[in-house]
Protein backbone atom coordinates (compact mmCIF):
# COMPACT_ATOMS: atom_id res chain seq x y z
CA MET A 1 0.17 -0.03 -0.02
CA THR A 2 1.38 3.34 -1.11
CA THR A 3 1.05 6.60 1.05
CA PRO A 4 -0.37 9.74 -0.72
CA ILE A 5 2.36 12.32 -1.09
CA GLY A 6 2.52 14.80 1.57
CA TRP A 7 1.11 12.40 4.22
CA PRO A 8 3.49 10.99 6.98
CA SER A 9 4.40 7.49 6.40
CA TYR A 10 5.92 5.11 8.93
CA ASP A 11 8.46 3.45 6.61
CA SER A 12 11.98 3.29 7.53
CA ASP A 13 12.89 4.88 4.42
CA SER A 14 13.73 8.67 5.38
CA SER A 15 15.61 9.89 2.22
CA ASN A 16 12.32 10.43 0.45
CA PRO A 17 10.54 13.22 2.24
CA ALA A 18 7.20 11.63 1.19
CA LYS A 19 8.09 8.73 3.33
CA ARG A 20 9.49 10.56 6.21
CA SER A 21 7.92 9.77 9.56
CA VAL A 22 5.89 11.85 11.61
CA SER A 23 8.75 12.49 14.33
CA GLU A 24 11.46 13.43 11.85
CA GLU A 25 11.10 17.00 10.39
CA PRO A 26 13.47 18.50 7.83
CA ARG A 27 16.41 20.11 9.90
CA PRO A 28 17.04 23.62 8.62
CA HIS A 29 20.73 24.57 8.49
CA ASP A 30 20.64 28.03 7.70
CA SER A 31 20.58 30.64 10.38
CA GLU A 32 17.48 32.84 9.05
CA ALA A 33 15.31 29.50 9.35
CA LEU A 34 16.63 28.80 12.59
CA PHE A 35 16.03 32.47 13.74
CA GLN A 36 12.54 32.56 12.41
CA TRP A 37 11.76 29.11 14.11
CA ALA A 38 13.32 30.69 17.62
CA LEU A 39 11.03 33.63 17.13
CA ARG A 40 7.85 31.44 16.85
CA ALA A 41 8.88 29.40 19.90
CA LEU A 42 9.64 32.52 21.99
CA GLY A 43 6.23 33.64 20.94
CA ARG A 44 4.49 30.42 22.19
CA LYS A 45 6.29 29.96 25.61
CA ILE A 46 9.23 31.77 27.51
CA HIS A 47 12.61 30.10 27.43
CA SER A 48 15.68 30.25 28.95
CA THR A 49 18.78 30.80 26.68
CA ARG A 50 19.86 27.03 27.85
CA GLU A 51 16.37 25.68 26.90
CA LEU A 52 16.20 27.45 23.50
CA GLU A 53 19.72 26.44 22.77
CA VAL A 54 18.87 22.80 23.40
CA LYS A 55 15.77 23.12 21.26
CA LEU A 56 17.75 24.78 18.42
CA LEU A 57 20.38 22.19 18.63
CA ALA A 58 17.84 19.40 18.24
CA ARG A 59 17.07 21.00 15.06
CA THR A 60 20.34 21.28 13.50
CA ASP A 61 23.96 20.07 14.09
CA ASP A 62 25.26 23.45 13.29
CA ALA A 63 26.61 24.69 16.67
CA SER A 64 27.95 27.99 15.34
CA ALA A 65 24.64 28.59 13.74
CA VAL A 66 22.76 28.18 16.84
CA ALA A 67 25.25 30.53 18.68
CA GLY A 68 24.57 33.11 16.08
CA VAL A 69 20.85 32.86 16.38
CA LEU A 70 21.26 33.14 20.41
CA ALA A 71 23.21 36.14 20.04
CA ARG A 72 20.94 37.93 17.41
CA LEU A 73 17.97 37.07 19.71
CA LYS A 74 19.68 38.69 22.77
CA ALA A 75 20.68 41.67 20.77
CA SER A 76 17.33 42.32 19.61
CA GLY A 77 15.87 41.73 23.29
CA TYR A 78 13.74 38.70 22.50
CA LEU A 79 15.96 36.62 24.67
CA ASP A 80 16.57 37.66 28.34
CA ASP A 81 17.18 35.20 31.07
CA ARG A 82 16.74 37.76 33.65
CA GLN A 83 13.32 38.63 32.21
CA CYS A 84 12.38 35.11 31.72
CA LEU A 85 13.26 34.22 35.43
CA GLU A 86 11.00 37.29 36.67
CA THR A 87 8.38 36.04 34.58
CA LEU A 88 8.57 32.39 35.82
CA VAL A 89 8.94 33.40 39.21
CA THR A 90 5.66 35.77 39.07
CA VAL A 91 3.64 32.96 37.71
CA ARG A 92 4.83 30.50 40.25
CA LEU A 93 4.02 33.01 43.28
CA ARG A 94 0.41 33.77 41.66
CA ARG A 95 -0.24 30.02 41.25
CA GLY A 96 0.07 29.11 44.86
CA ALA A 97 2.41 28.73 47.80
CA CYS A 98 5.70 27.48 47.21
CA SER A 99 9.13 27.71 49.04
CA ARG A 100 12.38 29.49 47.95
CA SER A 101 14.03 25.93 47.59
CA ARG A 102 11.71 24.58 45.25
CA LEU A 103 11.89 27.89 43.12
CA GLN A 104 15.61 27.44 43.00
CA LYS A 105 15.39 23.80 41.82
CA GLU A 106 12.72 24.57 39.20
CA MET A 107 14.94 27.54 37.80
CA ALA A 108 17.92 25.40 37.70
CA ALA A 109 16.32 22.71 35.90
CA ARG A 110 15.63 25.25 33.43
CA GLY A 111 19.36 26.23 32.78
CA LEU A 112 19.17 29.35 34.55
CA PRO A 113 22.28 30.51 36.13
CA ARG A 114 22.38 30.19 40.00
CA ARG A 115 23.86 33.55 40.91
CA LEU A 116 21.07 35.31 38.88
CA VAL A 117 18.46 33.06 40.37
CA ASP A 118 19.46 33.87 43.81
CA GLN A 119 19.61 37.63 43.01
CA VAL A 120 16.22 37.52 41.60
CA LEU A 121 14.64 35.76 44.32
CA ASP A 122 16.36 37.96 46.69
CA GLU A 123 14.45 40.97 45.15
CA MET A 124 11.13 39.23 44.43
CA PHE A 125 10.99 36.46 47.22
CA PRO A 126 12.38 37.76 50.61
CA PRO A 127 12.47 35.26 53.66
CA GLU A 128 9.34 37.03 55.11
CA LYS A 129 7.50 36.16 51.96
CA GLU A 130 8.36 32.47 52.28
CA LEU A 131 7.29 32.28 55.90
CA ALA A 132 3.76 33.96 54.56
CA HIS A 133 3.59 31.19 52.04
CA LEU A 134 4.32 28.60 54.46
CA ARG A 135 1.44 29.77 56.82
CA HIS A 136 -0.87 30.00 53.74
CA SER A 137 -0.21 26.39 52.76
CA LEU A 138 -0.57 25.28 56.27
CA GLU A 139 -3.87 27.03 56.54
CA ARG A 140 -5.20 25.57 53.26
CA LYS A 141 -4.32 22.17 54.42
CA LEU A 142 -5.91 22.52 57.64
CA GLU A 143 -9.08 23.66 56.21
CA ALA A 144 -9.19 20.38 54.13
CA LEU A 145 -8.71 18.13 57.01
CA SER A 146 -11.44 16.96 58.97
CA GLU A 147 -11.21 16.60 62.60
CA PRO A 148 -9.77 15.33 64.78
CA LEU A 149 -6.22 15.82 63.87
CA ASP A 150 -4.39 12.82 65.48
CA GLU A 151 -0.66 12.20 65.16
CA LYS A 152 -0.67 10.41 61.71
CA ARG A 153 -2.65 13.58 60.13
CA VAL A 154 -0.42 15.98 61.80
CA ALA A 155 2.67 13.93 60.67
CA ARG A 156 1.45 13.95 56.91
CA LEU A 157 1.06 17.45 56.95
CA TYR A 158 4.32 18.16 58.39
CA ASN A 159 5.88 15.90 55.64
CA TYR A 160 3.82 17.71 52.93
CA LEU A 161 5.08 21.00 53.89
CA LEU A 162 8.86 19.61 53.82
CA ALA A 163 8.18 17.92 50.36
CA ARG A 164 6.91 21.43 49.11
CA GLY A 165 10.60 22.52 50.00
CA PHE A 166 9.74 24.72 53.13
CA PRO A 167 12.81 25.10 55.28
CA LEU A 168 12.71 22.41 58.21
CA GLU A 169 13.02 24.85 61.22
CA ALA A 170 10.48 27.26 59.77
CA VAL A 171 8.18 24.12 59.63
CA ARG A 172 9.00 23.33 63.25
CA ARG A 173 8.37 26.75 64.68
CA GLU A 174 5.11 27.01 62.91
CA PHE A 175 3.90 23.66 64.17
CA ARG A 176 4.97 24.68 67.78
CA LYS A 177 3.03 27.85 67.57
CA ARG A 178 0.02 26.34 65.78
CA PHE A 179 -0.59 23.31 68.05
CA HIS A 180 1.18 24.22 71.19
CA ARG A 181 3.35 21.24 71.78
CA PRO A 182 6.61 19.95 70.68
CA PHE A 183 7.10 17.53 68.06
CA GLU A 184 9.78 15.05 68.01
CA TRP A 185 9.78 13.30 64.38
CA ALA A 186 12.80 11.81 62.87
CA ASP A 187 13.90 13.69 59.62
């Protein structure tokens, strides 16, 4: 059975464009095509320099063309790691309670430089704000839990907050204030 021209085929012969599989795209090698593709990608979603570099390298084997496209995007103001970081942090903070360490891990996974991440978080997410997020998260979970709060439920709540990345000492202090008793849990 033959596949109509222009339709994807699942044959292993990729030399013929009509028989190229769905996962194989033509790999543009000229800088202008890469630049246009990068602009469309940035129009759909914010990317860090590292994320966009990985995506461009998946489209071509020419590392110098990728470096040129990234430099051109930066010079044009379309690619800025600080702006990307500020946008991502703002979105994460609006979405709900989160911890500073969790934000640091997420931003590191996106390939953003640690020093820049720390600098932006110091400006946008000071320690006082993290404590407010901890209290908010604790309040929301307590509202969802039904009474009585036995040791098992309290321990689950404690582990939930630690898993969200809140500092151990801050969680312990909040639990002492909230429940008016010391807790002796192994970490």
